[in-house]
Amino acid sequence: MSVAAERGGRVLGMLAPGLLSVRNIFFKLLNTEDRLRMARRGIANRPWPPAILDHLTDDLLVRCLAFLTPRERFNVAALVCKRFRQLCLAPELLRCVQLAVVGERAVPRCRGLLAFLLAHAQHVRRLTLHACISEARPEEAPDGELGDPALRLELQGVLQQCCAALGAAGAAEEVILSAATPVADAAWLASLPRLRLLWVGTDDAPLELPAGFSRLRLREVGLRGRTVRLADPCLPPGVTRLHLAGSGAAEMLPQQLPHLTCLSALELLDTDLPGASLSGLTALPSLRAIQLDGQAELPACLPALTQLRQLELHSTRELAASEVEIARAALSSLTGLTALVFGCFPLLALPREVTCLTALHHLLFFTPLVPPEPTGLPLAAGSPASRTAWLAGIRWLGLPYEVAARSVAALRAATRLEYLGLVDTPMLGDPWADEAAEGEPTEEEAAAWEAFWAFCAQHPPLRALGLDIDKAEEPELTMPLLDALVRLARRRPALAIRRTPMRPPGQQYDWCRSSVRARGEFFHLWEEMANHASLPELE
């Protein structure tokens, strides 16, 4: 056995915690018949000699290296020997490239990315990039927080060269540039005939889409910009999912709706569109999902979109009385909904109309700006058995702790509930009380606290509990909560207890719903509840 191979066995076996060893990976690649034959001969239970690396084919080694992250692959495995270095550059390992870097390191890291793309862009199929000097928005950042202007300009030039190199290769199928990644010129997009997915644009710069953009066979498009201009008369007609962030991007939507006949999902973030401008939604028979997040008015046509299967409503302002009626009417009429995210002020309790949604299996309710009303889940009219019948189909449920604690009796009717997520940190007592009012919890609060944790320990279908715990913000992880979690883990070891922030931290680059998930994890509670059918812990 060569010294390099022995060194390779040690390095691959001692990489980051949680990675599979070469021995385990090798056995996973063997078919069942081979494993049974080796087990009968007693080989599978013997210590595996490092010399196996000399016997693995290049194909098997490449599949083993695919289990490593790019950083582990290039910073460790590629340094073992010449063979490993060559295999780390195998085309199948270069198809997905991700880079997230903030601060002064962004320029040299992006220069490294440029050198990589100049050599290997023909193999790259997906690029996810978050690179900036500062993540602060220009209108919100104090003086000096945006970083050196010369450095920002240099970074923009390097990123432009990266995109040009990607366009010159013409092989990319998915390009995801975060809202903080400054790429001003989008002319390179016209050179990507295979492009199917695109997220591009920043808040503080105009976005100009090149001529020929409408001829691309895009299926998913996310656009953001102070203004968005199209050289062509319309967006690609085959788009099935459209994400528009900011009022500048959303301004073009009313004119584009008649051309988007294949649209199945529409997401509007941080827009202030009037509701009347969205009347064209009724002419889109394929529309199945809508997300309205920000200042946009609720369209009067919303209750008429009975084909919808997913609805996400989040208002960062107080809804007018007419909009509250639209929201209630939509919940009454959209009986085919299977996923609902609802957070609209001044509705501080889940509307009773949600009990009409008997097909619902994913539900997330929260109250923006203010705490929820001290009430439980709504109950339908009728006999005691029918009042909680709408909960029978719920599989994933996200609620404020106060609502969940007051709904324990009703939640027992959720016979399929496997994932319960809390959108805030559970507190024993009133977390919203002022300091003068703080003290021992009341008997009612203590009883509700114990009943909630007993429910989590005893509800048979429950398999995962999510908590929004952020140590950088108040309220912190208190001793009563820590004690409750320890007791729950002891009583029910199989229950997956997960940390699921309501929204992702600003420094995370996987803001896009289409980003590849590292290590099988998801983004945040909102994302899980709205867009995924299973959790890694439940598979």
Protein backbone atom coordinates (compact mmCIF):
# COMPACT_ATOMS: atom_id res chain seq x y z
CA MET A 1 0.00 0.00 0.00
CA SER A 2 1.34 3.42 -0.93
CA VAL A 3 2.04 6.07 1.68
CA ALA A 4 -0.34 8.43 -0.16
CA ALA A 5 -3.18 5.92 -0.03
CA GLU A 6 -2.59 5.30 3.68
CA ARG A 7 -2.58 9.03 4.28
CA GLY A 8 -5.75 9.35 2.26
CA GLY A 9 -7.47 6.73 4.38
CA ARG A 10 -6.55 8.58 7.56
CA VAL A 11 -7.61 11.98 6.20
CA LEU A 12 -10.96 10.87 4.81
CA GLY A 13 -11.68 8.93 7.98
CA MET A 14 -10.98 11.90 10.26
CA LEU A 15 -12.80 14.68 8.41
CA ALA A 16 -15.56 16.86 9.92
CA PRO A 17 -17.87 15.19 12.50
CA GLY A 18 -20.93 13.54 11.04
CA LEU A 19 -19.28 12.55 7.76
CA LEU A 20 -19.30 8.90 6.74
CA SER A 21 -16.00 7.08 6.79
CA VAL A 22 -14.66 5.55 3.61
CA ARG A 23 -15.49 2.10 4.96
CA ASN A 24 -19.14 3.00 5.61
CA ILE A 25 -19.50 4.79 2.29
CA PHE A 26 -18.02 1.80 0.48
CA PHE A 27 -20.49 -0.57 2.10
CA LYS A 28 -23.38 1.72 1.18
CA LEU A 29 -22.31 1.50 -2.44
CA LEU A 30 -22.23 -2.29 -2.46
CA ASN A 31 -25.43 -3.99 -3.54
CA THR A 32 -27.40 -6.10 -1.11
CA GLU A 33 -26.21 -9.41 -2.50
CA ASP A 34 -22.53 -8.50 -2.08
CA ARG A 35 -23.09 -7.30 1.47
CA LEU A 36 -24.88 -10.52 2.42
CA ARG A 37 -22.13 -12.63 0.89
CA MET A 38 -19.44 -10.67 2.74
CA ALA A 39 -21.41 -10.87 5.98
CA ARG A 40 -21.63 -14.68 5.68
CA ARG A 41 -17.87 -14.80 5.24
CA GLY A 42 -17.41 -12.57 8.29
CA ILE A 43 -15.72 -9.83 6.32
CA ALA A 44 -18.20 -7.06 7.04
CA ASN A 45 -17.51 -7.15 10.76
CA ARG A 46 -13.73 -7.09 10.53
CA PRO A 47 -11.73 -3.86 10.75
CA TRP A 48 -11.41 -2.58 7.22
CA PRO A 49 -7.78 -2.17 6.12
CA PRO A 50 -6.73 1.23 4.73
CA ALA A 51 -5.41 -0.58 1.65
CA ILE A 52 -8.96 -0.63 0.28
CA LEU A 53 -8.26 2.81 -1.21
CA ASP A 54 -5.82 1.19 -3.64
CA HIS A 55 -8.59 -1.12 -4.82
CA LEU A 56 -11.42 1.38 -5.24
CA THR A 57 -12.12 2.42 -8.80
CA ASP A 58 -12.14 6.09 -9.74
CA ASP A 59 -15.91 5.97 -10.03
CA LEU A 60 -16.34 4.70 -6.47
CA LEU A 61 -13.87 7.21 -5.10
CA VAL A 62 -15.70 10.06 -6.82
CA ARG A 63 -18.94 8.88 -5.25
CA CYS A 64 -17.22 8.81 -1.85
CA LEU A 65 -15.85 12.32 -2.36
CA ALA A 66 -19.35 13.54 -3.19
CA PHE A 67 -20.24 13.08 0.49
CA LEU A 68 -17.79 15.84 1.42
CA THR A 69 -18.52 19.53 1.28
CA PRO A 70 -16.61 21.52 -1.38
CA ARG A 71 -14.40 23.07 1.32
CA GLU A 72 -13.48 19.65 2.74
CA ARG A 73 -12.98 18.30 -0.74
CA PHE A 74 -10.61 21.04 -1.97
CA ASN A 75 -8.89 22.02 1.29
CA VAL A 76 -8.23 18.50 2.60
CA ALA A 77 -8.94 15.60 0.25
CA ALA A 78 -7.35 17.26 -2.81
CA LEU A 79 -4.06 17.60 -0.89
CA VAL A 80 -3.71 13.87 -0.22
CA CYS A 81 -2.20 12.84 -3.55
CA LYS A 82 -2.29 13.58 -7.27
CA ARG A 83 -5.03 11.01 -7.86
CA PHE A 84 -7.28 12.59 -5.24
CA ARG A 85 -6.60 16.04 -6.67
CA GLN A 86 -7.68 14.91 -10.13
CA LEU A 87 -10.77 13.16 -8.82
CA CYS A 88 -11.82 16.22 -6.80
CA LEU A 89 -12.08 18.02 -10.14
CA ALA A 90 -14.31 15.37 -11.71
CA PRO A 91 -17.11 17.06 -13.69
CA GLU A 92 -19.85 15.42 -11.63
CA LEU A 93 -18.43 17.04 -8.47
CA LEU A 94 -18.40 20.53 -10.02
CA ARG A 95 -22.03 20.78 -11.07
CA CYS A 96 -23.17 22.67 -7.99
CA VAL A 97 -21.11 25.65 -6.76
CA GLN A 98 -22.03 27.68 -3.67
CA LEU A 99 -20.20 30.62 -2.15
CA ALA A 100 -21.22 32.82 0.79
CA VAL A 101 -18.82 35.52 1.94
CA VAL A 102 -19.33 38.93 3.58
CA GLY A 103 -16.78 41.64 4.30
CA GLU A 104 -13.31 42.40 3.01
CA ARG A 105 -12.70 38.71 2.31
CA ALA A 106 -15.33 38.86 -0.44
CA VAL A 107 -12.96 40.27 -3.07
CA PRO A 108 -10.20 37.62 -2.81
CA ARG A 109 -12.74 34.81 -2.45
CA CYS A 110 -14.58 35.96 -5.55
CA ARG A 111 -11.29 36.25 -7.43
CA GLY A 112 -10.73 32.61 -6.55
CA LEU A 113 -14.22 31.83 -7.84
CA LEU A 114 -13.40 33.67 -11.07
CA ALA A 115 -10.27 31.56 -11.61
CA PHE A 116 -12.33 28.43 -10.95
CA LEU A 117 -15.05 29.44 -13.42
CA LEU A 118 -12.54 30.34 -16.13
CA ALA A 119 -11.22 26.78 -15.89
CA HIS A 120 -14.34 24.75 -15.11
CA ALA A 121 -17.47 26.78 -15.94
CA GLN A 122 -18.39 24.28 -18.66
CA HIS A 123 -19.16 21.74 -15.91
CA VAL A 124 -21.13 24.08 -13.60
CA ARG A 125 -24.88 23.57 -13.74
CA ARG A 126 -25.92 25.49 -10.62
CA LEU A 127 -24.35 28.58 -9.04
CA THR A 128 -25.57 29.98 -5.72
CA LEU A 129 -23.75 33.16 -4.71
CA HIS A 130 -23.96 35.58 -1.79
CA ALA A 131 -21.04 38.01 -1.83
CA CYS A 132 -21.00 41.54 -0.46
CA ILE A 133 -18.91 43.97 1.59
CA SER A 134 -21.86 44.73 3.89
CA GLU A 135 -25.36 43.26 4.18
CA ALA A 136 -26.88 46.53 5.40
CA ARG A 137 -29.34 48.25 3.11
CA PRO A 138 -28.21 51.68 1.90
CA GLU A 139 -31.32 53.45 3.19
CA GLU A 140 -31.03 51.82 6.63
CA ALA A 141 -27.28 51.74 7.26
CA PRO A 142 -25.53 54.43 9.33
CA ASP A 143 -22.54 56.18 7.82
CA GLY A 144 -19.58 53.86 7.41
CA GLU A 145 -21.50 50.57 7.67
CA LEU A 146 -21.64 50.03 3.93
CA GLY A 147 -17.87 49.55 3.72
CA ASP A 148 -15.22 51.09 1.52
CA PRO A 149 -16.81 52.38 -1.73
CA ALA A 150 -13.68 51.44 -3.70
CA LEU A 151 -13.85 47.91 -2.32
CA ARG A 152 -17.52 47.62 -3.21
CA LEU A 153 -16.77 48.78 -6.75
CA GLU A 154 -13.92 46.27 -7.05
CA LEU A 155 -16.17 43.46 -5.85
CA GLN A 156 -18.84 44.42 -8.36
CA GLY A 157 -16.27 44.23 -11.16
CA VAL A 158 -15.05 40.78 -10.08
CA LEU A 159 -18.62 39.47 -9.81
CA GLN A 160 -19.37 40.81 -13.25
CA GLN A 161 -16.42 38.86 -14.62
CA CYS A 162 -17.63 35.72 -12.84
CA CYS A 163 -21.03 36.03 -14.49
CA ALA A 164 -19.41 36.72 -17.87
CA ALA A 165 -17.31 33.55 -17.50
CA LEU A 166 -20.43 31.58 -16.63
CA GLY A 167 -22.23 33.02 -19.65
CA ALA A 168 -19.30 32.28 -21.98
CA ALA A 169 -19.46 28.60 -21.04
CA GLY A 170 -23.21 28.53 -21.68
CA ALA A 171 -23.80 25.40 -19.60
CA ALA A 172 -25.48 26.79 -16.47
CA GLU A 173 -29.04 25.72 -15.79
CA GLU A 174 -29.65 27.45 -12.45
CA VAL A 175 -28.21 30.79 -11.28
CA ILE A 176 -29.09 32.18 -7.85
CA LEU A 177 -27.62 35.54 -6.85
CA SER A 178 -28.73 36.87 -3.48
CA ALA A 179 -30.29 40.29 -2.98
CA ALA A 180 -26.98 41.55 -1.56
CA THR A 181 -24.80 40.38 -4.46
CA PRO A 182 -24.10 43.43 -6.68
CA VAL A 183 -24.31 42.37 -10.32
CA ALA A 184 -25.40 45.36 -12.38
CA ASP A 185 -25.11 44.12 -15.97
CA ALA A 186 -27.31 41.15 -16.89
CA ALA A 187 -26.26 40.91 -20.57
CA TRP A 188 -24.61 37.52 -19.87
CA LEU A 189 -28.04 35.94 -19.33
CA ALA A 190 -28.72 35.88 -23.08
CA SER A 191 -25.81 33.42 -23.47
CA LEU A 192 -27.35 30.73 -21.25
CA PRO A 193 -29.76 28.75 -23.47
CA ARG A 194 -30.10 25.97 -20.87
CA LEU A 195 -31.12 28.33 -18.06
CA ARG A 196 -34.20 27.09 -16.21
CA LEU A 197 -33.95 28.93 -12.88
CA LEU A 198 -32.82 32.51 -12.20
CA TRP A 199 -32.76 34.75 -9.13
CA VAL A 200 -31.03 38.10 -9.71
CA GLY A 201 -31.09 41.77 -8.70
CA THR A 202 -30.43 44.02 -5.71
CA ASP A 203 -32.59 46.54 -3.85
CA ASP A 204 -30.49 49.62 -4.55
CA ALA A 205 -29.70 49.24 -8.26
CA PRO A 206 -31.76 49.06 -11.44
CA LEU A 207 -32.00 45.72 -13.23
CA GLU A 208 -32.02 45.63 -17.03
CA LEU A 209 -32.81 42.30 -18.63
CA PRO A 210 -31.19 41.85 -22.07
CA ALA A 211 -32.75 41.34 -25.47
CA GLY A 212 -33.55 37.69 -26.01
CA PHE A 213 -34.47 37.15 -22.36
CA SER A 214 -38.03 36.18 -23.33
CA ARG A 215 -36.68 33.38 -25.54
CA LEU A 216 -35.04 31.60 -22.63
CA ARG A 217 -36.85 28.49 -21.44
CA LEU A 218 -37.00 29.64 -17.86
CA ARG A 219 -39.32 27.90 -15.41
CA GLU A 220 -38.54 29.86 -12.24
CA VAL A 221 -37.65 33.57 -12.08
CA GLY A 222 -36.89 35.78 -9.08
CA LEU A 223 -36.31 39.48 -9.80
CA ARG A 224 -35.41 42.36 -7.51
CA GLY A 225 -34.37 45.93 -8.30
CA ARG A 226 -34.99 49.61 -7.80
CA THR A 227 -36.44 49.38 -11.30
CA VAL A 228 -36.71 46.39 -13.63
CA ARG A 229 -36.64 46.98 -17.38
CA LEU A 230 -37.25 44.40 -20.08
CA ALA A 231 -35.71 44.80 -23.51
CA ASP A 232 -38.30 42.30 -24.76
CA PRO A 233 -42.05 42.93 -24.50
CA CYS A 234 -42.67 40.12 -22.02
CA LEU A 235 -41.12 37.60 -19.66
CA PRO A 236 -40.52 34.04 -20.90
CA PRO A 237 -44.02 32.60 -21.40
CA GLY A 238 -43.08 29.23 -19.90
CA VAL A 239 -42.43 30.63 -16.41
CA THR A 240 -44.26 28.58 -13.79
CA ARG A 241 -42.97 30.38 -10.70
CA LEU A 242 -42.42 34.14 -10.44
CA HIS A 243 -40.90 35.92 -7.43
CA LEU A 244 -40.88 39.72 -7.44
CA ALA A 245 -39.31 41.64 -4.56
CA GLY A 246 -39.57 45.39 -4.16
CA SER A 247 -41.97 47.85 -5.73
CA GLY A 248 -39.65 48.43 -8.69
CA ALA A 249 -39.87 44.79 -9.75
CA ALA A 250 -43.59 44.47 -9.08
CA GLU A 251 -44.55 47.48 -11.20
CA MET A 252 -44.34 45.41 -14.37
CA LEU A 253 -46.59 42.61 -13.07
CA PRO A 254 -50.01 43.92 -14.25
CA GLN A 255 -48.74 44.13 -17.84
CA GLN A 256 -47.08 40.71 -17.67
CA LEU A 257 -49.95 38.70 -16.20
CA PRO A 258 -51.76 38.10 -19.54
CA HIS A 259 -48.59 36.50 -20.98
CA LEU A 260 -47.89 34.17 -18.04
CA THR A 261 -50.40 31.48 -18.91
CA CYS A 262 -48.31 28.70 -17.34
CA LEU A 263 -47.81 30.50 -14.01
CA SER A 264 -48.50 28.23 -11.03
CA ALA A 265 -46.82 30.18 -8.19
CA LEU A 266 -46.63 33.95 -7.61
CA GLU A 267 -44.64 35.54 -4.77
CA LEU A 268 -44.71 39.28 -4.04
CA LEU A 269 -42.38 40.57 -1.31
CA ASP A 270 -41.96 44.14 -0.06
CA THR A 271 -44.33 45.56 -2.64
CA ASP A 272 -47.03 48.21 -2.37
CA LEU A 273 -49.16 47.22 -5.33
CA PRO A 274 -52.83 48.26 -5.20
CA GLY A 275 -55.22 45.36 -5.06
CA ALA A 276 -56.94 46.37 -8.30
CA SER A 277 -53.72 45.81 -10.27
CA LEU A 278 -53.88 42.08 -9.49
CA SER A 279 -57.32 41.51 -11.01
CA GLY A 280 -55.65 39.61 -13.87
CA LEU A 281 -54.97 36.70 -11.53
CA THR A 282 -58.43 35.33 -12.30
CA ALA A 283 -57.32 34.65 -15.87
CA LEU A 284 -54.53 32.26 -14.78
CA PRO A 285 -56.06 28.77 -14.62
CA SER A 286 -52.76 27.12 -13.60
CA LEU A 287 -52.21 29.34 -10.55
CA ARG A 288 -51.91 27.17 -7.43
CA ALA A 289 -49.86 29.23 -4.94
CA ILE A 290 -49.76 32.91 -3.92
CA GLN A 291 -47.55 34.70 -1.42
CA LEU A 292 -48.32 38.31 -0.47
CA ASP A 293 -45.71 39.56 1.98
CA GLY A 294 -45.34 43.27 2.77
CA GLN A 295 -47.36 46.38 2.03
CA ALA A 296 -49.38 45.10 -0.94
CA GLU A 297 -53.16 45.39 -0.75
CA LEU A 298 -55.15 42.19 -0.71
CA PRO A 299 -56.81 41.84 -4.13
CA ALA A 300 -60.58 41.70 -4.16
CA CYS A 301 -60.38 38.72 -6.52
CA LEU A 302 -58.63 36.54 -3.91
CA PRO A 303 -61.79 34.65 -2.79
CA ALA A 304 -62.50 33.80 -6.44
CA LEU A 305 -59.20 31.93 -6.92
CA THR A 306 -60.72 28.62 -5.85
CA GLN A 307 -58.01 26.64 -7.64
CA LEU A 308 -55.40 27.74 -5.08
CA ARG A 309 -53.70 25.06 -3.00
CA GLN A 310 -51.24 27.26 -1.10
CA LEU A 311 -51.78 30.74 0.33
CA GLU A 312 -49.31 32.89 2.28
CA LEU A 313 -50.56 36.20 3.66
CA HIS A 314 -48.27 38.41 5.72
CA SER A 315 -48.96 42.11 6.06
CA THR A 316 -46.42 44.52 7.55
CA ARG A 317 -49.12 47.17 7.96
CA GLU A 318 -52.60 47.26 9.45
CA LEU A 319 -55.18 45.90 7.05
CA ALA A 320 -58.15 48.06 6.17
CA ALA A 321 -61.59 46.80 7.17
CA SER A 322 -62.33 45.86 3.55
CA GLU A 323 -59.13 43.80 3.38
CA VAL A 324 -60.02 41.96 6.58
CA GLU A 325 -63.30 40.97 4.94
CA ILE A 326 -61.40 39.82 1.83
CA ALA A 327 -59.13 37.66 3.99
CA ARG A 328 -62.09 36.10 5.81
CA ALA A 329 -63.94 35.50 2.55
CA ALA A 330 -60.87 33.85 1.04
CA LEU A 331 -60.57 31.43 3.95
CA SER A 332 -64.24 30.53 3.55
CA SER A 333 -64.13 29.94 -0.20
CA LEU A 334 -60.68 28.46 -0.85
CA THR A 335 -61.65 25.06 0.48
CA GLY A 336 -58.99 23.28 -1.59
CA LEU A 337 -56.10 24.85 0.32
CA THR A 338 -53.56 22.35 1.61
CA ALA A 339 -51.00 24.86 2.99
CA LEU A 340 -51.74 28.18 4.72
CA VAL A 341 -49.39 30.79 6.21
CA PHE A 342 -51.38 33.55 7.91
CA GLY A 343 -50.11 36.61 9.74
CA CYS A 344 -52.15 39.77 9.23
CA PHE A 345 -52.57 42.64 11.67
CA PRO A 346 -55.11 43.42 13.21
CA LEU A 347 -56.23 39.76 13.16
CA LEU A 348 -54.62 38.64 16.42
CA ALA A 349 -56.39 35.29 16.51
CA LEU A 350 -56.76 32.69 13.80
CA PRO A 351 -60.07 33.48 12.04
CA ARG A 352 -62.86 31.02 12.57
CA GLU A 353 -63.25 30.71 8.80
CA VAL A 354 -60.14 28.48 8.78
CA THR A 355 -62.32 25.65 10.08
CA CYS A 356 -63.79 25.45 6.54
CA LEU A 357 -60.42 24.26 5.19
CA THR A 358 -60.89 20.53 5.64
CA ALA A 359 -58.13 19.68 3.12
CA LEU A 360 -55.49 21.64 5.07
CA HIS A 361 -52.44 19.72 6.24
CA HIS A 362 -49.81 22.50 6.68
CA LEU A 363 -50.76 25.54 8.79
CA LEU A 364 -48.60 28.37 10.15
CA PHE A 365 -50.22 31.17 12.15
CA PHE A 366 -48.41 34.12 13.72
CA THR A 367 -49.20 37.69 14.69
CA PRO A 368 -46.87 40.38 13.32
CA LEU A 369 -45.96 43.45 15.38
CA VAL A 370 -47.95 42.55 18.52
CA PRO A 371 -48.59 39.45 20.70
CA PRO A 372 -51.55 37.18 19.87
CA GLU A 373 -54.83 37.24 21.67
CA PRO A 374 -54.91 34.87 24.68
CA THR A 375 -57.19 32.40 22.89
CA GLY A 376 -56.77 28.92 21.48
CA LEU A 377 -57.47 27.55 18.03
CA PRO A 378 -60.90 28.31 16.57
CA LEU A 379 -63.62 25.69 16.83
CA ALA A 380 -66.25 25.00 14.21
CA ALA A 381 -69.95 25.17 14.94
CA GLY A 382 -71.88 21.98 15.62
CA SER A 383 -71.55 19.00 17.92
CA PRO A 384 -68.50 18.62 20.18
CA ALA A 385 -67.04 15.97 17.86
CA SER A 386 -67.36 18.16 14.77
CA ARG A 387 -65.92 21.30 16.36
CA THR A 388 -62.35 20.02 16.01
CA ALA A 389 -62.89 17.92 12.88
CA TRP A 390 -60.90 20.38 10.75
CA LEU A 391 -57.77 19.48 12.73
CA ALA A 392 -57.93 15.81 11.79
CA GLY A 393 -55.94 16.32 8.58
CA ILE A 394 -53.28 18.69 9.98
CA ARG A 395 -49.78 17.17 9.72
CA TRP A 396 -47.60 20.23 10.29
CA LEU A 397 -48.68 23.06 12.56
CA GLY A 398 -46.91 26.28 13.54
CA LEU A 399 -48.35 28.46 16.33
CA PRO A 400 -47.35 30.97 19.00
CA TYR A 401 -46.79 29.20 22.31
CA GLU A 402 -49.72 31.00 23.96
CA VAL A 403 -52.12 29.69 21.31
CA ALA A 404 -50.70 26.17 21.44
CA ALA A 405 -50.84 26.01 25.25
CA ARG A 406 -54.50 27.07 25.25
CA SER A 407 -55.34 24.53 22.52
CA VAL A 408 -54.04 21.29 24.05
CA ALA A 409 -57.52 19.78 24.27
CA ALA A 410 -58.26 20.64 20.66
CA LEU A 411 -54.86 19.45 19.46
CA ARG A 412 -55.61 15.95 20.68
CA ALA A 413 -58.04 15.78 17.74
CA ALA A 414 -55.12 16.27 15.34
CA THR A 415 -54.59 12.54 14.90
CA ARG A 416 -52.07 13.02 12.07
CA LEU A 417 -50.01 15.81 13.65
CA GLU A 418 -46.34 14.86 13.28
CA TYR A 419 -44.62 18.25 13.43
CA LEU A 420 -45.46 21.06 15.85
CA GLY A 421 -43.48 24.29 15.51
CA LEU A 422 -43.57 27.27 17.87
CA VAL A 423 -43.03 30.68 16.29
CA ASP A 424 -41.73 32.16 19.54
CA THR A 425 -39.79 31.04 22.61
CA PRO A 426 -42.07 29.36 25.20
CA MET A 427 -42.17 31.32 28.44
CA LEU A 428 -43.62 30.34 31.79
CA GLY A 429 -45.65 33.42 32.64
CA ASP A 430 -46.41 36.47 30.55
CA PRO A 431 -43.39 37.35 28.36
CA TRP A 432 -45.02 40.65 27.37
CA ALA A 433 -45.53 41.94 30.90
CA ASP A 434 -43.46 44.92 32.06
CA GLU A 435 -40.78 44.47 34.71
CA ALA A 436 -43.01 45.78 37.50
CA ALA A 437 -45.60 43.09 36.73
CA GLU A 438 -43.14 40.18 36.55
CA GLY A 439 -43.29 37.52 39.23
CA GLU A 440 -44.42 33.99 39.82
CA PRO A 441 -46.72 32.55 37.13
CA THR A 442 -50.38 32.14 37.99
CA GLU A 443 -51.87 28.72 38.63
CA GLU A 444 -53.56 28.84 35.24
CA GLU A 445 -50.27 29.62 33.45
CA ALA A 446 -48.43 26.87 35.33
CA ALA A 447 -51.17 24.34 34.54
CA ALA A 448 -51.11 25.29 30.84
CA TRP A 449 -47.31 24.96 30.84
CA GLU A 450 -47.40 21.44 32.26
CA ALA A 451 -50.28 20.40 29.99
CA PHE A 452 -48.42 21.54 26.87
CA TRP A 453 -45.25 19.59 27.63
CA ALA A 454 -47.29 16.56 28.65
CA PHE A 455 -49.04 16.74 25.27
CA CYS A 456 -45.67 16.83 23.47
CA ALA A 457 -44.54 13.77 25.42
CA GLN A 458 -47.72 11.74 24.95
CA HIS A 459 -49.34 12.65 21.59
CA PRO A 460 -48.72 9.43 19.60
CA PRO A 461 -48.25 10.78 16.04
CA LEU A 462 -45.96 13.68 17.06
CA ARG A 463 -42.43 13.11 15.77
CA ALA A 464 -40.82 16.56 15.81
CA LEU A 465 -41.03 19.75 17.89
CA GLY A 466 -39.61 23.02 16.54
CA LEU A 467 -38.61 25.97 18.74
CA ASP A 468 -37.71 29.49 17.63
CA ILE A 469 -34.83 30.11 20.03
CA ASP A 470 -32.34 32.86 19.23
CA LYS A 471 -29.69 33.40 21.91
CA ALA A 472 -28.93 36.84 20.46
CA GLU A 473 -32.44 38.13 21.10
CA GLU A 474 -34.88 38.29 23.99
CA PRO A 475 -36.51 36.28 25.41
CA GLU A 476 -33.58 33.97 26.09
CA LEU A 477 -33.54 30.28 26.92
CA THR A 478 -34.89 30.35 30.48
CA MET A 479 -34.36 27.75 33.17
CA PRO A 480 -38.03 26.59 33.16
CA LEU A 481 -37.80 26.03 29.39
CA LEU A 482 -34.47 24.23 29.67
CA ASP A 483 -35.88 22.02 32.41
CA ALA A 484 -38.98 21.26 30.32
CA LEU A 485 -36.86 20.32 27.30
CA VAL A 486 -34.62 18.03 29.34
CA ARG A 487 -37.61 16.26 30.88
CA LEU A 488 -39.25 15.94 27.44
CA ALA A 489 -36.09 14.44 25.95
CA ARG A 490 -35.95 11.88 28.77
CA ARG A 491 -39.63 10.97 28.54
CA ARG A 492 -39.64 10.72 24.76
CA PRO A 493 -36.14 10.14 23.34
CA ALA A 494 -37.44 9.46 19.83
CA LEU A 495 -38.96 12.95 19.52
CA ALA A 496 -36.85 15.24 17.33
CA ILE A 497 -36.41 18.62 19.06
CA ARG A 498 -35.33 21.17 16.47
CA ARG A 499 -34.22 24.80 16.51
CA THR A 500 -36.28 26.48 13.78
CA PRO A 501 -36.08 30.29 13.57
CA MET A 502 -39.18 31.95 12.16
CA ARG A 503 -37.03 33.75 9.58
CA PRO A 504 -33.40 33.09 8.56
CA PRO A 505 -30.57 35.25 9.90
CA GLY A 506 -29.39 37.95 7.52
CA GLN A 507 -25.98 36.39 7.00
CA GLN A 508 -27.38 33.17 5.53
CA TYR A 509 -27.13 32.99 1.79
CA ASP A 510 -29.75 30.26 1.35
CA TRP A 511 -32.53 32.85 1.26
CA CYS A 512 -33.88 31.44 -1.98
CA ARG A 513 -36.39 28.65 -1.69
CA SER A 514 -34.65 26.79 -4.49
CA SER A 515 -31.20 26.75 -2.89
CA VAL A 516 -29.58 23.39 -2.29
CA ARG A 517 -29.89 22.37 1.34
CA ALA A 518 -26.60 21.37 2.92
CA ARG A 519 -26.68 18.35 5.23
CA GLY A 520 -30.38 17.80 4.58
CA GLU A 521 -31.53 20.76 6.67
CA PHE A 522 -34.11 23.39 5.88
CA PHE A 523 -34.11 27.15 6.29
CA HIS A 524 -36.65 28.24 8.86
CA LEU A 525 -40.12 27.48 10.16
CA TRP A 526 -41.98 29.54 7.55
CA GLU A 527 -40.10 27.76 4.76
CA GLU A 528 -40.73 24.31 6.16
CA MET A 529 -44.43 24.85 6.78
CA ALA A 530 -45.12 26.33 3.36
CA ASN A 531 -42.99 24.35 0.97
CA HIS A 532 -41.89 20.94 2.19
CA ALA A 533 -43.63 17.64 2.65
CA SER A 534 -41.10 15.92 4.90
CA LEU A 535 -38.29 16.62 7.35
CA PRO A 536 -34.89 14.95 7.39
CA GLU A 537 -35.60 13.67 10.91
CA LEU A 538 -38.87 12.07 9.77
CA GLU A 539 -37.58 10.29 6.67
